Amino acid sequence: MKLEEAISKRILSLCKERGLSINKLASMAGFSSSTISSILYGQSKNTGARTILDICEALDMTIYDFYNDPLFKSRDIEGSY
């Protein structure tokens, strides 16, 4: 699985757990809906650490909590270049 796909799945999972729409998360994180959509639909090939941190802050969680998920425990995760 590509890292971008794992990040997308994690964001979608967190939104579902918290009953948030993608638009609501975007608003909470201070992003446009298109920014979040580009991450979720694979158009963003390099989601920066600051972007993930902003999402975490919006969800009131640490970056450790974001990545502390079985999605990120696989040695098969690939990055894009």
N, C-alpha and C. Protein backbone atom coordinates (compact mmCIF):
# COMPACT_ATOMS: atom_id res chain seq x y z
N MET A 1 0.85 -1.18 0.00
CA MET A 1 0.00 0.00 0.00
C MET A 1 0.89 1.23 0.00
N LYS A 2 0.49 2.21 -0.73
CA LYS A 2 1.22 3.47 -0.77
C LYS A 2 0.92 4.27 0.50
N LEU A 3 1.91 5.04 0.95
CA LEU A 3 1.75 5.86 2.14
C LEU A 3 0.57 6.81 2.01
N GLU A 4 0.40 7.38 0.83
CA GLU A 4 -0.70 8.32 0.61
C GLU A 4 -2.05 7.65 0.81
N GLU A 5 -2.15 6.40 0.38
CA GLU A 5 -3.40 5.65 0.54
C GLU A 5 -3.67 5.36 2.02
N ALA A 6 -2.62 5.02 2.76
CA ALA A 6 -2.78 4.76 4.20
C ALA A 6 -3.22 6.03 4.92
N ILE A 7 -2.64 7.17 4.57
CA ILE A 7 -3.03 8.44 5.19
C ILE A 7 -4.49 8.74 4.86
N SER A 8 -4.87 8.56 3.62
CA SER A 8 -6.25 8.79 3.20
C SER A 8 -7.22 7.90 3.99
N LYS A 9 -6.90 6.62 4.10
CA LYS A 9 -7.76 5.69 4.84
C LYS A 9 -7.86 6.09 6.30
N ARG A 10 -6.76 6.54 6.88
CA ARG A 10 -6.77 6.94 8.29
C ARG A 10 -7.64 8.17 8.48
N ILE A 11 -7.54 9.14 7.61
CA ILE A 11 -8.38 10.35 7.73
C ILE A 11 -9.84 9.97 7.60
N LEU A 12 -10.17 9.16 6.62
CA LEU A 12 -11.57 8.74 6.44
C LEU A 12 -12.08 7.98 7.65
N SER A 13 -11.26 7.12 8.21
CA SER A 13 -11.64 6.35 9.39
C SER A 13 -11.90 7.27 10.59
N LEU A 14 -11.03 8.24 10.79
CA LEU A 14 -11.20 9.18 11.90
C LEU A 14 -12.46 10.02 11.72
N CYS A 15 -12.73 10.44 10.51
CA CYS A 15 -13.96 11.21 10.25
C CYS A 15 -15.19 10.36 10.55
N LYS A 16 -15.16 9.12 10.12
CA LYS A 16 -16.29 8.22 10.36
C LYS A 16 -16.49 8.01 11.86
N GLU A 17 -15.40 7.73 12.59
CA GLU A 17 -15.46 7.52 14.04
C GLU A 17 -16.08 8.71 14.76
N ARG A 18 -15.79 9.91 14.26
CA ARG A 18 -16.20 11.13 14.94
C ARG A 18 -17.45 11.76 14.34
N GLY A 19 -17.99 11.11 13.32
CA GLY A 19 -19.20 11.63 12.69
C GLY A 19 -18.99 12.95 11.97
N LEU A 20 -17.82 13.10 11.37
CA LEU A 20 -17.48 14.34 10.67
C LEU A 20 -17.51 14.13 9.16
N SER A 21 -17.99 15.12 8.47
CA SER A 21 -17.87 15.10 7.01
C SER A 21 -16.48 15.61 6.64
N ILE A 22 -16.09 15.34 5.43
CA ILE A 22 -14.80 15.83 4.94
C ILE A 22 -14.79 17.36 4.95
N ASN A 23 -15.90 17.95 4.56
CA ASN A 23 -15.98 19.41 4.56
C ASN A 23 -15.84 19.99 5.96
N LYS A 24 -16.42 19.32 6.95
CA LYS A 24 -16.32 19.79 8.33
C LYS A 24 -14.87 19.69 8.80
N LEU A 25 -14.21 18.57 8.51
CA LEU A 25 -12.80 18.44 8.89
C LEU A 25 -11.96 19.53 8.23
N ALA A 26 -12.19 19.76 6.97
CA ALA A 26 -11.44 20.81 6.26
C ALA A 26 -11.62 22.15 6.95
N SER A 27 -12.83 22.48 7.30
CA SER A 27 -13.12 23.73 7.99
C SER A 27 -12.42 23.79 9.34
N MET A 28 -12.49 22.71 10.09
CA MET A 28 -11.86 22.65 11.41
C MET A 28 -10.34 22.82 11.33
N ALA A 29 -9.74 22.28 10.28
CA ALA A 29 -8.29 22.32 10.11
C ALA A 29 -7.82 23.61 9.41
N GLY A 30 -8.76 24.41 8.93
CA GLY A 30 -8.41 25.65 8.25
C GLY A 30 -8.01 25.45 6.80
N PHE A 31 -8.49 24.36 6.19
CA PHE A 31 -8.19 24.07 4.79
C PHE A 31 -9.44 24.26 3.95
N SER A 32 -9.23 24.37 2.66
CA SER A 32 -10.36 24.32 1.73
C SER A 32 -10.77 22.86 1.57
N SER A 33 -11.98 22.65 1.17
CA SER A 33 -12.45 21.28 0.91
C SER A 33 -11.60 20.61 -0.16
N SER A 34 -11.14 21.38 -1.13
CA SER A 34 -10.34 20.81 -2.21
C SER A 34 -8.99 20.31 -1.70
N THR A 35 -8.44 20.93 -0.67
CA THR A 35 -7.17 20.46 -0.11
C THR A 35 -7.33 19.07 0.48
N ILE A 36 -8.37 18.89 1.29
CA ILE A 36 -8.62 17.59 1.90
C ILE A 36 -8.98 16.56 0.80
N SER A 37 -9.79 16.97 -0.15
CA SER A 37 -10.17 16.07 -1.24
C SER A 37 -8.95 15.60 -2.02
N SER A 38 -8.00 16.49 -2.26
CA SER A 38 -6.81 16.11 -3.02
C SER A 38 -5.99 15.07 -2.25
N ILE A 39 -6.00 15.15 -0.93
CA ILE A 39 -5.31 14.14 -0.12
C ILE A 39 -6.06 12.81 -0.20
N LEU A 40 -7.37 12.87 -0.05
CA LEU A 40 -8.18 11.66 0.01
C LEU A 40 -8.27 10.92 -1.32
N TYR A 41 -8.19 11.63 -2.42
CA TYR A 41 -8.36 11.00 -3.72
C TYR A 41 -7.05 10.85 -4.49
N GLY A 42 -5.93 10.91 -3.76
CA GLY A 42 -4.63 10.60 -4.35
C GLY A 42 -4.04 11.65 -5.26
N GLN A 43 -4.59 12.84 -5.27
CA GLN A 43 -4.04 13.88 -6.13
C GLN A 43 -2.84 14.56 -5.47
N SER A 44 -2.77 14.48 -4.14
CA SER A 44 -1.65 15.03 -3.39
C SER A 44 -0.65 13.91 -3.16
N LYS A 45 0.50 13.98 -3.77
CA LYS A 45 1.49 12.92 -3.67
C LYS A 45 2.45 13.12 -2.51
N ASN A 46 2.38 14.26 -1.84
CA ASN A 46 3.30 14.52 -0.73
C ASN A 46 2.57 15.32 0.34
N THR A 47 1.80 14.62 1.14
CA THR A 47 1.09 15.29 2.22
C THR A 47 2.12 15.63 3.29
N GLY A 48 2.33 16.91 3.50
CA GLY A 48 3.37 17.36 4.42
C GLY A 48 3.05 17.11 5.88
N ALA A 49 4.10 17.09 6.67
CA ALA A 49 3.95 16.88 8.11
C ALA A 49 3.10 17.98 8.73
N ARG A 50 3.23 19.20 8.25
CA ARG A 50 2.44 20.31 8.80
C ARG A 50 0.95 20.08 8.52
N THR A 51 0.62 19.57 7.36
CA THR A 51 -0.77 19.29 7.01
C THR A 51 -1.34 18.22 7.94
N ILE A 52 -0.59 17.16 8.17
CA ILE A 52 -1.04 16.10 9.08
C ILE A 52 -1.18 16.67 10.49
N LEU A 53 -0.23 17.50 10.91
CA LEU A 53 -0.31 18.11 12.23
C LEU A 53 -1.55 18.99 12.37
N ASP A 54 -1.88 19.75 11.34
CA ASP A 54 -3.09 20.59 11.37
C ASP A 54 -4.35 19.73 11.48
N ILE A 55 -4.37 18.62 10.77
CA ILE A 55 -5.50 17.70 10.85
C ILE A 55 -5.60 17.13 12.27
N CYS A 56 -4.46 16.74 12.82
CA CYS A 56 -4.44 16.20 14.19
C CYS A 56 -4.95 17.24 15.20
N GLU A 57 -4.50 18.46 15.06
CA GLU A 57 -4.95 19.51 15.97
C GLU A 57 -6.46 19.71 15.85
N ALA A 58 -6.97 19.68 14.65
CA ALA A 58 -8.41 19.83 14.44
C ALA A 58 -9.19 18.69 15.08
N LEU A 59 -8.60 17.51 15.10
CA LEU A 59 -9.25 16.33 15.68
C LEU A 59 -8.89 16.14 17.15
N ASP A 60 -8.13 17.07 17.71
CA ASP A 60 -7.73 17.03 19.12
C ASP A 60 -7.00 15.73 19.44
N MET A 61 -6.00 15.43 18.61
CA MET A 61 -5.20 14.23 18.82
C MET A 61 -3.75 14.56 18.52
N THR A 62 -2.86 13.70 18.99
CA THR A 62 -1.44 13.90 18.70
C THR A 62 -1.10 13.25 17.37
N ILE A 63 0.02 13.65 16.82
CA ILE A 63 0.49 13.04 15.59
C ILE A 63 0.84 11.56 15.84
N TYR A 64 1.30 11.27 17.05
CA TYR A 64 1.55 9.87 17.42
C TYR A 64 0.27 9.06 17.32
N ASP A 65 -0.83 9.61 17.85
CA ASP A 65 -2.12 8.91 17.78
C ASP A 65 -2.56 8.71 16.33
N PHE A 66 -2.27 9.68 15.49
CA PHE A 66 -2.65 9.55 14.08
C PHE A 66 -1.96 8.35 13.45
N TYR A 67 -0.65 8.26 13.66
CA TYR A 67 0.12 7.18 13.02
C TYR A 67 0.11 5.87 13.81
N ASN A 68 -0.39 5.90 15.03
CA ASN A 68 -0.45 4.69 15.84
C ASN A 68 -1.69 3.88 15.47
N ASP A 69 -1.66 3.33 14.29
CA ASP A 69 -2.78 2.60 13.73
C ASP A 69 -2.20 1.43 12.92
N PRO A 70 -2.90 0.31 12.89
CA PRO A 70 -2.39 -0.85 12.14
C PRO A 70 -2.06 -0.55 10.68
N LEU A 71 -2.69 0.45 10.09
CA LEU A 71 -2.38 0.81 8.70
C LEU A 71 -0.90 1.11 8.51
N PHE A 72 -0.27 1.67 9.54
CA PHE A 72 1.11 2.12 9.42
C PHE A 72 2.12 1.13 9.99
N LYS A 73 1.66 -0.04 10.40
CA LYS A 73 2.57 -1.03 10.98
C LYS A 73 3.16 -1.98 9.95
N SER A 74 2.69 -1.92 8.75
CA SER A 74 3.16 -2.82 7.70
C SER A 74 4.50 -2.36 7.15
N ARG A 75 5.35 -3.32 6.86
CA ARG A 75 6.62 -3.01 6.20
C ARG A 75 6.43 -2.84 4.69
N ASP A 76 5.22 -3.06 4.23
CA ASP A 76 4.93 -2.99 2.80
C ASP A 76 4.49 -1.60 2.34
N ILE A 77 4.50 -0.62 3.22
CA ILE A 77 4.09 0.73 2.82
C ILE A 77 5.18 1.32 1.93
N GLU A 78 4.74 1.89 0.81
CA GLU A 78 5.65 2.49 -0.16
C GLU A 78 5.39 3.98 -0.23
N GLY A 79 6.42 4.73 -0.45
CA GLY A 79 6.28 6.17 -0.68
C GLY A 79 6.27 6.45 -2.18
N SER A 80 5.76 7.60 -2.54
CA SER A 80 5.80 8.04 -3.94
C SER A 80 6.94 9.04 -4.11
N TYR A 81 7.49 9.05 -5.28
CA TYR A 81 8.59 10.00 -5.56
C TYR A 81 8.27 10.82 -6.76
